[in-house]
C-alpha atoms as a PDB file:
ATOM      1  CA  MET A   1      44.649   0.153  31.357  1.00  0.00           C
ATOM      2  CA  GLU A   2      41.198  -1.445  31.664  1.00  0.00           C
ATOM      3  CA  ASN A   3      39.977   1.287  34.043  1.00  0.00           C
ATOM      4  CA  VAL A   4      41.232   3.972  31.660  1.00  0.00           C
ATOM      5  CA  ILE A   5      39.383   2.356  28.759  1.00  0.00           C
ATOM      6  CA  GLU A   6      36.169   2.128  30.749  1.00  0.00           C
ATOM      7  CA  LYS A   7      36.306   5.884  31.449  1.00  0.00           C
ATOM      8  CA  ILE A   8      36.827   6.860  27.805  1.00  0.00           C
ATOM      9  CA  ARG A   9      33.776   8.297  26.053  1.00  0.00           C
ATOM     10  CA  LEU A  10      34.244   8.035  22.304  1.00  0.00           C
ATOM     11  CA  THR A  11      31.569  10.669  21.683  1.00  0.00           C
ATOM     12  CA  GLN A  12      33.634  13.289  23.546  1.00  0.00           C
ATOM     13  CA  PHE A  13      36.153  13.229  20.684  1.00  0.00           C
ATOM     14  CA  SER A  14      33.646  14.181  17.977  1.00  0.00           C
ATOM     15  CA  HIS A  15      31.469  17.188  17.216  1.00  0.00           C
ATOM     16  CA  GLY A  16      28.662  14.933  15.944  1.00  0.00           C
ATOM     17  CA  GLY A  17      27.860  11.270  15.685  1.00  0.00           C
ATOM     18  CA  GLY A  18      26.529   8.645  13.315  1.00  0.00           C
ATOM     19  CA  CYS A  19      24.547   9.736  10.296  1.00  0.00           C
ATOM     20  CA  GLY A  20      23.831  13.016  12.070  1.00  0.00           C
ATOM     21  CA  CYS A  21      27.315  13.993  10.788  1.00  0.00           C
ATOM     22  CA  LYS A  22      26.104  14.000   7.194  1.00  0.00           C
ATOM     23  CA  ILE A  23      26.307  17.246   5.272  1.00  0.00           C
ATOM     24  CA  ALA A  24      22.848  18.861   4.988  1.00  0.00           C
ATOM     25  CA  PRO A  25      20.942  17.810   1.827  1.00  0.00           C
ATOM     26  CA  ALA A  26      20.841  21.317   0.336  1.00  0.00           C
ATOM     27  CA  VAL A  27      24.581  21.830   0.843  1.00  0.00           C
ATOM     28  CA  LEU A  28      25.351  18.397  -0.604  1.00  0.00           C
ATOM     29  CA  SER A  29      23.232  19.134  -3.687  1.00  0.00           C
ATOM     30  CA  GLU A  30      25.148  22.353  -4.277  1.00  0.00           C
ATOM     31  CA  MET A  31      28.459  20.508  -3.968  1.00  0.00           C
ATOM     32  CA  LEU A  32      27.411  17.717  -6.348  1.00  0.00           C
ATOM     33  CA  ALA A  33      26.172  20.258  -8.886  1.00  0.00           C
ATOM     34  CA  ARG A  34      29.821  21.170  -9.454  1.00  0.00           C
ATOM     35  CA  LEU A  35      30.656  17.707 -10.728  1.00  0.00           C
ATOM     36  CA  PRO A  36      31.218  17.626 -14.499  1.00  0.00           C
ATOM     37  CA  ALA A  37      28.250  16.226 -16.419  1.00  0.00           C
ATOM     38  CA  GLY A  38      28.393  13.499 -19.046  1.00  0.00           C
ATOM     39  CA  GLY A  39      31.129  11.082 -19.962  1.00  0.00           C
ATOM     40  CA  SER A  40      29.741   8.053 -18.111  1.00  0.00           C
ATOM     41  CA  PRO A  41      30.259   4.685 -19.814  1.00  0.00           C
ATOM     42  CA  PRO A  42      27.137   2.730 -20.784  1.00  0.00           C
ATOM     43  CA  GLU A  43      28.093   0.062 -18.241  1.00  0.00           C
ATOM     44  CA  LEU A  44      27.468   2.544 -15.403  1.00  0.00           C
ATOM     45  CA  LEU A  45      23.824   1.751 -14.736  1.00  0.00           C
ATOM     46  CA  ILE A  46      23.451   4.044 -11.705  1.00  0.00           C
ATOM     47  CA  GLY A  47      25.624   7.015 -10.782  1.00  0.00           C
ATOM     48  CA  THR A  48      24.840  10.294  -9.023  1.00  0.00           C
ATOM     49  CA  ARG A  49      21.801  11.442 -11.007  1.00  0.00           C
ATOM     50  CA  THR A  50      19.036   9.867  -8.889  1.00  0.00           C
ATOM     51  CA  SER A  51      20.681  10.168  -5.433  1.00  0.00           C
ATOM     52  CA  ASP A  52      20.744   6.402  -5.062  1.00  0.00           C
ATOM     53  CA  ASP A  53      22.469   4.570  -2.244  1.00  0.00           C
ATOM     54  CA  ALA A  54      25.275   3.109  -4.344  1.00  0.00           C
ATOM     55  CA  ALA A  55      26.843   3.115  -7.790  1.00  0.00           C
ATOM     56  CA  VAL A  56      26.008   0.172 -10.048  1.00  0.00           C
ATOM     57  CA  TYR A  57      28.259  -1.048 -12.883  1.00  0.00           C
ATOM     58  CA  ARG A  58      27.249  -3.806 -15.312  1.00  0.00           C
ATOM     59  CA  LEU A  59      29.907  -6.519 -15.481  1.00  0.00           C
ATOM     60  CA  ASN A  60      28.052  -8.824 -17.848  1.00  0.00           C
ATOM     61  CA  ASP A  61      24.492  -9.905 -18.670  1.00  0.00           C
ATOM     62  CA  GLN A  62      24.137 -11.699 -15.329  1.00  0.00           C
ATOM     63  CA  GLN A  63      26.083  -9.551 -12.893  1.00  0.00           C
ATOM     64  CA  ALA A  64      26.213  -5.931 -11.844  1.00  0.00           C
ATOM     65  CA  LEU A  65      28.730  -4.626  -9.301  1.00  0.00           C
ATOM     66  CA  ILE A  66      27.295  -2.454  -6.519  1.00  0.00           C
ATOM     67  CA  ALA A  67      29.840  -0.134  -4.877  1.00  0.00           C
ATOM     68  CA  THR A  68      29.354   2.198  -1.933  1.00  0.00           C
ATOM     69  CA  THR A  69      31.116   3.763   1.016  1.00  0.00           C
ATOM     70  CA  ASP A  70      29.907   5.104   4.344  1.00  0.00           C
ATOM     71  CA  PHE A  71      31.708   6.265   7.475  1.00  0.00           C
ATOM     72  CA  PHE A  72      31.086   8.560  10.418  1.00  0.00           C
ATOM     73  CA  MET A  73      32.129   9.609  13.910  1.00  0.00           C
ATOM     74  CA  PRO A  74      31.004   7.781  17.081  1.00  0.00           C
ATOM     75  CA  ILE A  75      27.317   7.679  17.901  1.00  0.00           C
ATOM     76  CA  VAL A  76      27.960   5.625  21.067  1.00  0.00           C
ATOM     77  CA  ASP A  77      30.814   5.394  23.571  1.00  0.00           C
ATOM     78  CA  ASP A  78      31.340   1.641  23.452  1.00  0.00           C
ATOM     79  CA  PRO A  79      33.996   1.035  20.751  1.00  0.00           C
ATOM     80  CA  PHE A  80      32.775  -2.444  19.797  1.00  0.00           C
ATOM     81  CA  ASP A  81      29.200  -1.209  19.384  1.00  0.00           C
ATOM     82  CA  PHE A  82      30.426   1.779  17.367  1.00  0.00           C
ATOM     83  CA  GLY A  83      32.181  -0.572  14.948  1.00  0.00           C
ATOM     84  CA  ARG A  84      29.120  -2.778  14.602  1.00  0.00           C
ATOM     85  CA  ILE A  85      26.785   0.146  13.954  1.00  0.00           C
ATOM     86  CA  ALA A  86      29.071   1.769  11.388  1.00  0.00           C
ATOM     87  CA  ALA A  87      29.521  -1.488   9.499  1.00  0.00           C
ATOM     88  CA  ALA A  88      25.808  -2.320   9.475  1.00  0.00           C
ATOM     89  CA  ASN A  89      25.071   1.177   8.208  1.00  0.00           C
ATOM     90  CA  ALA A  90      27.581   0.886   5.355  1.00  0.00           C
ATOM     91  CA  LEU A  91      26.364  -2.549   4.252  1.00  0.00           C
ATOM     92  CA  SER A  92      22.800  -1.263   4.213  1.00  0.00           C
ATOM     93  CA  ASP A  93      23.491   0.577   0.945  1.00  0.00           C
ATOM     94  CA  ILE A  94      24.168  -2.745  -0.785  1.00  0.00           C
ATOM     95  CA  TYR A  95      20.957  -4.273   0.537  1.00  0.00           C
ATOM     96  CA  ALA A  96      18.981  -1.152  -0.412  1.00  0.00           C
ATOM     97  CA  MET A  97      19.935  -1.705  -4.055  1.00  0.00           C
ATOM     98  CA  GLY A  98      18.678  -5.285  -3.871  1.00  0.00           C
ATOM     99  CA  GLY A  99      22.195  -6.703  -3.840  1.00  0.00           C
ATOM    100  CA  SER A 100      24.240  -9.218  -1.896  1.00  0.00           C
ATOM    101  CA  PRO A 101      27.486  -7.939  -0.311  1.00  0.00           C
ATOM    102  CA  ILE A 102      30.687  -9.759  -1.282  1.00  0.00           C
ATOM    103  CA  LEU A 103      33.468  -7.890   0.553  1.00  0.00           C
ATOM    104  CA  ALA A 104      34.340  -4.747   2.458  1.00  0.00           C
ATOM    105  CA  LEU A 105      37.337  -2.486   3.013  1.00  0.00           C
ATOM    106  CA  ALA A 106      37.736  -0.695   6.348  1.00  0.00           C
ATOM    107  CA  LEU A 107      38.042   3.102   6.433  1.00  0.00           C
ATOM    108  CA  VAL A 108      39.731   4.197   9.656  1.00  0.00           C
ATOM    109  CA  GLY A 109      40.677   7.609  11.015  1.00  0.00           C
ATOM    110  CA  MET A 110      41.717   7.737  14.660  1.00  0.00           C
ATOM    111  CA  PRO A 111      43.380  10.275  17.008  1.00  0.00           C
ATOM    112  CA  ILE A 112      46.527   8.243  17.624  1.00  0.00           C
ATOM    113  CA  GLY A 113      48.017   9.130  20.993  1.00  0.00           C
ATOM    114  CA  LYS A 114      44.648  10.176  22.415  1.00  0.00           C
ATOM    115  CA  LEU A 115      42.793   6.883  22.090  1.00  0.00           C
ATOM    116  CA  PRO A 116      44.417   3.693  23.422  1.00  0.00           C
ATOM    117  CA  LEU A 117      45.225   1.222  20.663  1.00  0.00           C
ATOM    118  CA  GLU A 118      43.050  -1.341  22.448  1.00  0.00           C
ATOM    119  CA  VAL A 119      40.017   0.929  22.000  1.00  0.00           C
ATOM    120  CA  ILE A 120      40.767   1.357  18.301  1.00  0.00           C
ATOM    121  CA  GLY A 121      41.147  -2.387  17.988  1.00  0.00           C
ATOM    122  CA  GLN A 122      37.724  -2.908  19.537  1.00  0.00           C
ATOM    123  CA  VAL A 123      36.173  -0.592  16.927  1.00  0.00           C
ATOM    124  CA  LEU A 124      37.735  -2.701  14.177  1.00  0.00           C
ATOM    125  CA  GLU A 125      36.628  -5.905  15.875  1.00  0.00           C
ATOM    126  CA  GLY A 126      33.057  -4.638  16.042  1.00  0.00           C
ATOM    127  CA  GLY A 127      33.022  -3.834  12.332  1.00  0.00           C
ATOM    128  CA  ALA A 128      34.577  -7.173  11.442  1.00  0.00           C
ATOM    129  CA  SER A 129      31.996  -9.030  13.553  1.00  0.00           C
ATOM    130  CA  MET A 130      29.172  -7.385  11.611  1.00  0.00           C
ATOM    131  CA  CYS A 131      30.805  -8.285   8.315  1.00  0.00           C
ATOM    132  CA  ARG A 132      31.081 -11.899   9.479  1.00  0.00           C
ATOM    133  CA  GLU A 133      27.365 -11.823  10.263  1.00  0.00           C
ATOM    134  CA  ALA A 134      26.791 -10.604   6.701  1.00  0.00           C
ATOM    135  CA  GLY A 135      28.958 -13.479   5.441  1.00  0.00           C
ATOM    136  CA  ILE A 136      31.731 -11.339   3.943  1.00  0.00           C
ATOM    137  CA  PRO A 137      35.393 -10.603   4.713  1.00  0.00           C
ATOM    138  CA  VAL A 138      37.038  -7.309   5.565  1.00  0.00           C
ATOM    139  CA  ALA A 139      39.601  -7.662   2.806  1.00  0.00           C
ATOM    140  CA  GLY A 140      41.733  -4.583   3.494  1.00  0.00           C
ATOM    141  CA  GLY A 141      41.287  -0.870   3.977  1.00  0.00           C
ATOM    142  CA  HIS A 142      43.027   2.413   4.721  1.00  0.00           C
ATOM    143  CA  SER A 143      43.838   4.273   7.930  1.00  0.00           C
ATOM    144  CA  ILE A 144      44.930   7.793   8.884  1.00  0.00           C
ATOM    145  CA  ASP A 145      45.751   9.719  12.057  1.00  0.00           C
ATOM    146  CA  SER A 146      42.825  12.138  12.421  1.00  0.00           C
ATOM    147  CA  VAL A 147      41.579  14.652  14.962  1.00  0.00           C
ATOM    148  CA  GLU A 148      38.243  12.848  15.448  1.00  0.00           C
ATOM    149  CA  PRO A 149      37.522   9.093  15.440  1.00  0.00           C
ATOM    150  CA  ILE A 150      36.103   7.942  12.108  1.00  0.00           C
ATOM    151  CA  TYR A 151      35.152   4.437  11.051  1.00  0.00           C
ATOM    152  CA  GLY A 152      33.222   2.892   8.197  1.00  0.00           C
ATOM    153  CA  LEU A 153      33.438   0.653   5.167  1.00  0.00           C
ATOM    154  CA  ALA A 154      33.781   0.707   1.437  1.00  0.00           C
ATOM    155  CA  ALA A 155      31.518  -2.172   0.449  1.00  0.00           C
ATOM    156  CA  MET A 156      30.895  -4.078  -2.750  1.00  0.00           C
ATOM    157  CA  GLY A 157      28.075  -6.389  -3.743  1.00  0.00           C
ATOM    158  CA  LEU A 158      26.464  -8.113  -6.685  1.00  0.00           C
ATOM    159  CA  ALA A 159      22.999  -8.203  -8.235  1.00  0.00           C
ATOM    160  CA  HIS A 160      21.446  -9.139 -11.543  1.00  0.00           C
ATOM    161  CA  PRO A 161      21.452  -6.001 -13.734  1.00  0.00           C
ATOM    162  CA  GLU A 162      17.681  -6.276 -14.222  1.00  0.00           C
ATOM    163  CA  LYS A 163      16.981  -6.760 -10.506  1.00  0.00           C
ATOM    164  CA  VAL A 164      18.757  -3.674  -9.167  1.00  0.00           C
ATOM    165  CA  LYS A 165      16.391  -1.393  -7.223  1.00  0.00           C
ATOM    166  CA  SER A 166      16.826   2.300  -7.926  1.00  0.00           C
ATOM    167  CA  ASN A 167      15.164   5.435  -6.592  1.00  0.00           C
ATOM    168  CA  ALA A 168      13.864   5.910 -10.130  1.00  0.00           C
ATOM    169  CA  GLY A 169      11.733   2.752 -10.211  1.00  0.00           C
ATOM    170  CA  ALA A 170       8.703   3.648  -8.067  1.00  0.00           C
ATOM    171  CA  LYS A 171       5.277   4.043  -9.682  1.00  0.00           C
ATOM    172  CA  PRO A 172       2.063   5.914  -8.884  1.00  0.00           C
ATOM    173  CA  GLY A 173      -0.170   3.686  -6.762  1.00  0.00           C
ATOM    174  CA  ASP A 174       2.757   1.959  -5.051  1.00  0.00           C
ATOM    175  CA  VAL A 175       2.515   1.268  -1.337  1.00  0.00           C
ATOM    176  CA  LEU A 176       5.338   2.484   0.921  1.00  0.00           C
ATOM    177  CA  ILE A 177       6.685   0.135   3.607  1.00  0.00           C
ATOM    178  CA  LEU A 178       9.271   1.073   6.249  1.00  0.00           C
ATOM    179  CA  GLY A 179      11.331  -1.729   7.776  1.00  0.00           C
ATOM    180  CA  LYS A 180      12.638  -0.247  11.050  1.00  0.00           C
ATOM    181  CA  PRO A 181      11.225   2.208  13.607  1.00  0.00           C
ATOM    182  CA  LEU A 182      12.256   5.868  13.688  1.00  0.00           C
ATOM    183  CA  GLY A 183      13.950   7.703  16.552  1.00  0.00           C
ATOM    184  CA  ILE A 184      17.652   6.774  16.482  1.00  0.00           C
ATOM    185  CA  GLY A 185      18.797  10.393  16.299  1.00  0.00           C
ATOM    186  CA  VAL A 186      16.654  11.350  19.279  1.00  0.00           C
ATOM    187  CA  LEU A 187      18.087   8.457  21.301  1.00  0.00           C
ATOM    188  CA  SER A 188      21.632   9.429  20.333  1.00  0.00           C
ATOM    189  CA  ALA A 189      20.990  13.017  21.458  1.00  0.00           C
ATOM    190  CA  ALA A 190      19.640  11.702  24.755  1.00  0.00           C
ATOM    191  CA  LEU A 191      22.702   9.486  25.169  1.00  0.00           C
ATOM    192  CA  LYS A 192      25.085  12.383  24.629  1.00  0.00           C
ATOM    193  CA  SER A 193      23.222  14.507  27.197  1.00  0.00           C
ATOM    194  CA  GLY A 194      23.103  11.685  29.778  1.00  0.00           C
ATOM    195  CA  ARG A 195      19.334  11.169  29.506  1.00  0.00           C
ATOM    196  CA  LEU A 196      19.276   7.678  27.987  1.00  0.00           C
ATOM    197  CA  ASP A 197      18.882   4.746  30.375  1.00  0.00           C
ATOM    198  CA  GLU A 198      20.127   1.203  29.797  1.00  0.00           C
ATOM    199  CA  ALA A 199      16.829   0.041  28.273  1.00  0.00           C
ATOM    200  CA  GLY A 200      16.913   2.931  25.814  1.00  0.00           C
ATOM    201  CA  TYR A 201      20.526   2.172  24.918  1.00  0.00           C
ATOM    202  CA  GLN A 202      19.744  -1.477  24.247  1.00  0.00           C
ATOM    203  CA  ALA A 203      16.775  -0.484  22.080  1.00  0.00           C
ATOM    204  CA  MET A 204      19.085   1.780  20.111  1.00  0.00           C
ATOM    205  CA  ILE A 205      21.700  -0.955  19.648  1.00  0.00           C
ATOM    206  CA  ALA A 206      19.083  -3.519  18.605  1.00  0.00           C
ATOM    207  CA  VAL A 207      17.828  -1.307  15.769  1.00  0.00           C
ATOM    208  CA  THR A 208      21.173  -0.004  14.547  1.00  0.00           C
ATOM    209  CA  THR A 209      22.921  -3.393  14.462  1.00  0.00           C
ATOM    210  CA  GLN A 210      20.158  -5.244  12.630  1.00  0.00           C
ATOM    211  CA  LEU A 211      21.401  -5.827   9.097  1.00  0.00           C
ATOM    212  CA  ASN A 212      18.973  -4.896   6.309  1.00  0.00           C
ATOM    213  CA  ARG A 213      19.655  -8.228   4.616  1.00  0.00           C
ATOM    214  CA  VAL A 214      15.952  -8.644   3.756  1.00  0.00           C
ATOM    215  CA  GLY A 215      16.883  -6.364   0.844  1.00  0.00           C
ATOM    216  CA  MET A 216      18.460  -9.346  -0.918  1.00  0.00           C
ATOM    217  CA  LYS A 217      15.094 -11.130  -1.059  1.00  0.00           C
ATOM    218  CA  LEU A 218      13.168  -7.968  -1.881  1.00  0.00           C
ATOM    219  CA  GLY A 219      15.535  -7.317  -4.763  1.00  0.00           C
ATOM    220  CA  LEU A 220      14.425 -10.525  -6.463  1.00  0.00           C
ATOM    221  CA  ARG A 221      10.779  -9.429  -6.550  1.00  0.00           C
ATOM    222  CA  ASP A 222       9.557  -7.692  -9.705  1.00  0.00           C
ATOM    223  CA  ASP A 223       6.678  -6.171  -7.728  1.00  0.00           C
ATOM    224  CA  VAL A 224       9.169  -4.272  -5.542  1.00  0.00           C
ATOM    225  CA  HIS A 225       9.802  -1.240  -7.710  1.00  0.00           C
ATOM    226  CA  ALA A 226      12.195   0.873  -5.641  1.00  0.00           C
ATOM    227  CA  MET A 227      14.147   0.795  -2.381  1.00  0.00           C
ATOM    228  CA  THR A 228      16.311   3.079  -0.324  1.00  0.00           C
ATOM    229  CA  ASP A 229      17.488   3.093   3.274  1.00  0.00           C
ATOM    230  CA  VAL A 230      16.523   5.801   5.739  1.00  0.00           C
ATOM    231  CA  THR A 231      19.667   7.314   7.220  1.00  0.00           C
ATOM    232  CA  GLY A 232      21.034  10.803   7.842  1.00  0.00           C
ATOM    233  CA  PHE A 233      18.454  12.851   5.927  1.00  0.00           C
ATOM    234  CA  GLY A 234      15.584  11.353   7.920  1.00  0.00           C
ATOM    235  CA  LEU A 235      12.457   9.664   6.607  1.00  0.00           C
ATOM    236  CA  LEU A 236      11.280  12.746   4.712  1.00  0.00           C
ATOM    237  CA  GLY A 237      14.657  13.379   3.110  1.00  0.00           C
ATOM    238  CA  HIS A 238      15.148   9.890   1.747  1.00  0.00           C
ATOM    239  CA  LEU A 239      11.513   9.600   0.684  1.00  0.00           C
ATOM    240  CA  LEU A 240      11.942  12.849  -1.254  1.00  0.00           C
ATOM    241  CA  GLU A 241      14.951  11.379  -3.075  1.00  0.00           C
ATOM    242  CA  LEU A 242      12.802   8.429  -4.115  1.00  0.00           C
ATOM    243  CA  CYS A 243       9.943  10.712  -5.172  1.00  0.00           C
ATOM    244  CA  ARG A 244      12.203  12.967  -7.225  1.00  0.00           C
ATOM    245  CA  GLY A 245      13.906  10.026  -8.905  1.00  0.00           C
ATOM    246  CA  SER A 246      10.590   8.399  -9.810  1.00  0.00           C
ATOM    247  CA  GLY A 247       8.599  11.549 -10.612  1.00  0.00           C
ATOM    248  CA  CYS A 248       6.016  10.788  -7.916  1.00  0.00           C
ATOM    249  CA  CYS A 249       4.425  12.354  -4.853  1.00  0.00           C
ATOM    250  CA  ALA A 250       3.838  10.634  -1.511  1.00  0.00           C
ATOM    251  CA  GLU A 251       1.059  10.724   1.057  1.00  0.00           C
ATOM    252  CA  LEU A 252       1.871   9.555   4.596  1.00  0.00           C
ATOM    253  CA  ALA A 253       0.081   9.319   7.931  1.00  0.00           C
ATOM    254  CA  PHE A 254       2.125   9.837  11.094  1.00  0.00           C
ATOM    255  CA  GLU A 255      -0.134   7.634  13.197  1.00  0.00           C
ATOM    256  CA  VAL A 256       0.987   4.496  11.333  1.00  0.00           C
ATOM    257  CA  LEU A 257       4.716   5.235  11.384  1.00  0.00           C
ATOM    258  CA  PRO A 258       6.800   2.824  13.475  1.00  0.00           C
ATOM    259  CA  VAL A 259       8.616   4.787  16.200  1.00  0.00           C
ATOM    260  CA  ILE A 260      10.815   3.559  19.048  1.00  0.00           C
ATOM    261  CA  GLU A 261       8.579   4.208  22.039  1.00  0.00           C
ATOM    262  CA  MET A 262      11.266   5.769  24.210  1.00  0.00           C
ATOM    263  CA  ALA A 263      12.237   8.088  21.341  1.00  0.00           C
ATOM    264  CA  ARG A 264       8.618   9.193  21.039  1.00  0.00           C
ATOM    265  CA  GLY A 265       8.573  10.270  24.673  1.00  0.00           C
ATOM    266  CA  LEU A 266      11.947  12.006  24.449  1.00  0.00           C
ATOM    267  CA  ALA A 267      10.901  13.892  21.314  1.00  0.00           C
ATOM    268  CA  GLN A 268       7.791  15.085  23.115  1.00  0.00           C
ATOM    269  CA  GLU A 269      10.100  16.388  25.852  1.00  0.00           C
ATOM    270  CA  GLY A 270      12.078  18.396  23.287  1.00  0.00           C
ATOM    271  CA  VAL A 271      15.084  16.116  22.732  1.00  0.00           C
ATOM    272  CA  LYS A 272      16.408  16.391  19.172  1.00  0.00           C
ATOM    273  CA  THR A 273      19.582  16.639  17.110  1.00  0.00           C
ATOM    274  CA  GLY A 274      20.894  19.673  15.281  1.00  0.00           C
ATOM    275  CA  ALA A 275      20.756  17.636  12.070  1.00  0.00           C
ATOM    276  CA  SER A 276      16.963  17.471  12.320  1.00  0.00           C
ATOM    277  CA  ALA A 277      16.655  21.246  11.892  1.00  0.00           C
ATOM    278  CA  ARG A 278      19.268  21.277   9.094  1.00  0.00           C
ATOM    279  CA  ASN A 279      17.359  18.565   7.284  1.00  0.00           C
ATOM    280  CA  TRP A 280      14.087  20.483   7.473  1.00  0.00           C
ATOM    281  CA  SER A 281      15.657  23.715   6.257  1.00  0.00           C
ATOM    282  CA  SER A 282      17.036  21.808   3.251  1.00  0.00           C
ATOM    283  CA  TYR A 283      13.802  20.245   2.016  1.00  0.00           C
ATOM    284  CA  GLY A 284      10.873  21.600   4.023  1.00  0.00           C
ATOM    285  CA  ASP A 285       9.561  23.550   1.026  1.00  0.00           C
ATOM    286  CA  GLU A 286       8.792  20.224  -0.673  1.00  0.00           C
ATOM    287  CA  VAL A 287       6.679  18.947   2.232  1.00  0.00           C
ATOM    288  CA  THR A 288       3.142  19.819   3.325  1.00  0.00           C
ATOM    289  CA  LEU A 289       2.445  19.077   6.998  1.00  0.00           C
ATOM    290  CA  ARG A 290      -1.167  18.806   8.119  1.00  0.00           C
ATOM    291  CA  ASP A 291      -1.864  18.772  11.853  1.00  0.00           C
ATOM    292  CA  VAL A 292       1.708  17.691  12.590  1.00  0.00           C
ATOM    293  CA  ALA A 293       3.047  18.690  16.003  1.00  0.00           C
ATOM    294  CA  PRO A 294       6.619  20.010  16.382  1.00  0.00           C
ATOM    295  CA  TRP A 295       7.761  16.801  18.109  1.00  0.00           C
ATOM    296  CA  GLN A 296       6.350  14.759  15.236  1.00  0.00           C
ATOM    297  CA  GLN A 297       8.254  16.901  12.738  1.00  0.00           C
ATOM    298  CA  VAL A 298      11.428  16.152  14.718  1.00  0.00           C
ATOM    299  CA  LEU A 299      10.916  12.418  14.218  1.00  0.00           C
ATOM    300  CA  LEU A 300      10.169  12.870  10.510  1.00  0.00           C
ATOM    301  CA  THR A 301      13.483  14.668   9.988  1.00  0.00           C
ATOM    302  CA  ASP A 302      15.425  12.738  12.634  1.00  0.00           C
ATOM    303  CA  PRO A 303      18.730  11.386  11.247  1.00  0.00           C
ATOM    304  CA  GLN A 304      18.618   7.615  11.337  1.00  0.00           C
ATOM    305  CA  THR A 305      21.912   5.797  11.722  1.00  0.00           C
ATOM    306  CA  SER A 306      21.597   2.318  10.206  1.00  0.00           C
ATOM    307  CA  GLY A 307      17.869   2.897   9.701  1.00  0.00           C
ATOM    308  CA  GLY A 308      15.369   0.727   7.912  1.00  0.00           C
ATOM    309  CA  LEU A 309      14.662   0.023   4.273  1.00  0.00           C
ATOM    310  CA  LEU A 310      11.974   2.133   2.624  1.00  0.00           C
ATOM    311  CA  VAL A 311      10.231   0.079  -0.061  1.00  0.00           C
ATOM    312  CA  ALA A 312       7.856   1.089  -2.856  1.00  0.00           C
ATOM    313  CA  CYS A 313       5.938  -1.942  -4.075  1.00  0.00           C
ATOM    314  CA  ALA A 314       2.832  -2.707  -6.115  1.00  0.00           C
ATOM    315  CA  ALA A 315      -0.319  -2.380  -4.009  1.00  0.00           C
ATOM    316  CA  GLU A 316      -1.308  -6.000  -4.623  1.00  0.00           C
ATOM    317  CA  ALA A 317       2.063  -7.156  -3.280  1.00  0.00           C
ATOM    318  CA  ALA A 318       2.057  -5.064  -0.084  1.00  0.00           C
ATOM    319  CA  THR A 319       0.719  -7.826   2.155  1.00  0.00           C
ATOM    320  CA  GLU A 320       3.371 -10.295   0.992  1.00  0.00           C
ATOM    321  CA  VAL A 321       6.182  -7.752   1.217  1.00  0.00           C
ATOM    322  CA  LEU A 322       5.188  -6.771   4.748  1.00  0.00           C
ATOM    323  CA  ALA A 323       4.921 -10.448   5.707  1.00  0.00           C
ATOM    324  CA  LEU A 324       8.450 -10.982   4.381  1.00  0.00           C
ATOM    325  CA  PHE A 325       9.750  -8.199   6.621  1.00  0.00           C
ATOM    326  CA  HIS A 326       8.030  -9.733   9.631  1.00  0.00           C
ATOM    327  CA  ALA A 327       9.264 -13.236   8.793  1.00  0.00           C
ATOM    328  CA  GLU A 328      12.825 -11.872   8.673  1.00  0.00           C
ATOM    329  CA  ALA A 329      12.454 -10.427  12.229  1.00  0.00           C
ATOM    330  CA  TYR A 330      11.732  -6.785  11.381  1.00  0.00           C
ATOM    331  CA  ALA A 331       8.898  -6.710  13.886  1.00  0.00           C
ATOM    332  CA  ALA A 332       8.201  -2.971  13.573  1.00  0.00           C
ATOM    333  CA  ALA A 333       7.892  -2.954   9.760  1.00  0.00           C
ATOM    334  CA  ALA A 334       4.722  -1.187   8.646  1.00  0.00           C
ATOM    335  CA  GLU A 335       2.862   0.211   5.681  1.00  0.00           C
ATOM    336  CA  ILE A 336       3.221   3.983   5.999  1.00  0.00           C
ATOM    337  CA  GLY A 337       1.688   5.528   2.876  1.00  0.00           C
ATOM    338  CA  ARG A 338       1.248   5.539  -0.892  1.00  0.00           C
ATOM    339  CA  LEU A 339       2.639   7.174  -3.986  1.00  0.00           C
ATOM    340  CA  ARG A 340       0.675   9.083  -6.588  1.00  0.00           C
ATOM    341  CA  GLY A 341       1.576  10.776  -9.845  1.00  0.00           C
ATOM    342  CA  TRP A 342       3.391  14.097  -9.900  1.00  0.00           C
ATOM    343  CA  GLU A 343       1.304  17.198  -9.408  1.00  0.00           C
ATOM    344  CA  ALA A 344       2.558  20.752  -9.014  1.00  0.00           C
ATOM    345  CA  GLY A 345       3.230  21.511  -5.366  1.00  0.00           C
ATOM    346  CA  ALA A 346       4.781  19.609  -2.475  1.00  0.00           C
ATOM    347  CA  ARG A 347       6.168  16.149  -3.193  1.00  0.00           C
ATOM    348  CA  VAL A 348       5.230  14.787   0.250  1.00  0.00           C
ATOM    349  CA  VAL A 349       1.966  15.367   2.124  1.00  0.00           C
ATOM    350  CA  MET A 350       2.163  14.331   5.765  1.00  0.00           C
ATOM    351  CA  GLN A 351      -0.965  13.961   7.886  1.00  0.00           C
ATOM    352  CA  GLY A 352      -0.556  14.065  11.659  1.00  0.00           C
END
């Protein structure tokens, strides 16, 4: 049985992997537009309007419940690593709202009869291990027999109602800070095509399994005005959600963006995911690129599975916020740009 398990490649069972499976932003917007408007109770502080990472419901004057769900198909072949990555990615939505997770429910879809039960168990063990690291239980869940392997979490957390960080809170003049390096989608594409070596795989695992728990401390700061996490829509896509929600524009410089070095080289060689092109076709008309090479555009739209927090903070607080990231072991965290007030035209200007 052990030899059979070692030969199984989880990625061979799925048509896509990780956050690269997400529906393209333009298609998702069209789907959400069909939802009925109005009727939300006043306790629902954040719903679908600002494309935030989670829903937020006021329980009382001191507590707001943060609720989210996230799941996807395998981005790696190792079942334990797949579980860890999927769980870290799901919990990231709680941290991105400035909250503290309290529990999770497992969402499991597996091709029963095609995957050994031991492999499925390792996926669940990986997710549970990440929840233990976050200090929360997996308190239940739901499972189905599906054609492709699917795993993720429904997660809940708490925050003070006045400390929740929404996409709508950023202000002109804010500095933008990114907590993790870009390039996860490129590495995943290289893995699937057999071009990723062991060092590249370990770099990928290190980034994707690092919990964004610094969001709990950032959420307590009044000078942190907005947060989101960079996942399937790429840096540009999630920055655009923040800009739209806050009525701002952003100016970025590629040269200061943190990028996984191996992913940089692979992107220059033409390695990319199909999701990168879908992302660009969904929102490229809102972006102005100046002296940006095609490989750089790939990294800007690259789907990030369990990517970093993107923070908009007051300019005078940027040094402290960046120092907090570094103190919490996000070594690649960097200041990547600034926000300005809305002007007619593109919402993001990217300088190569």
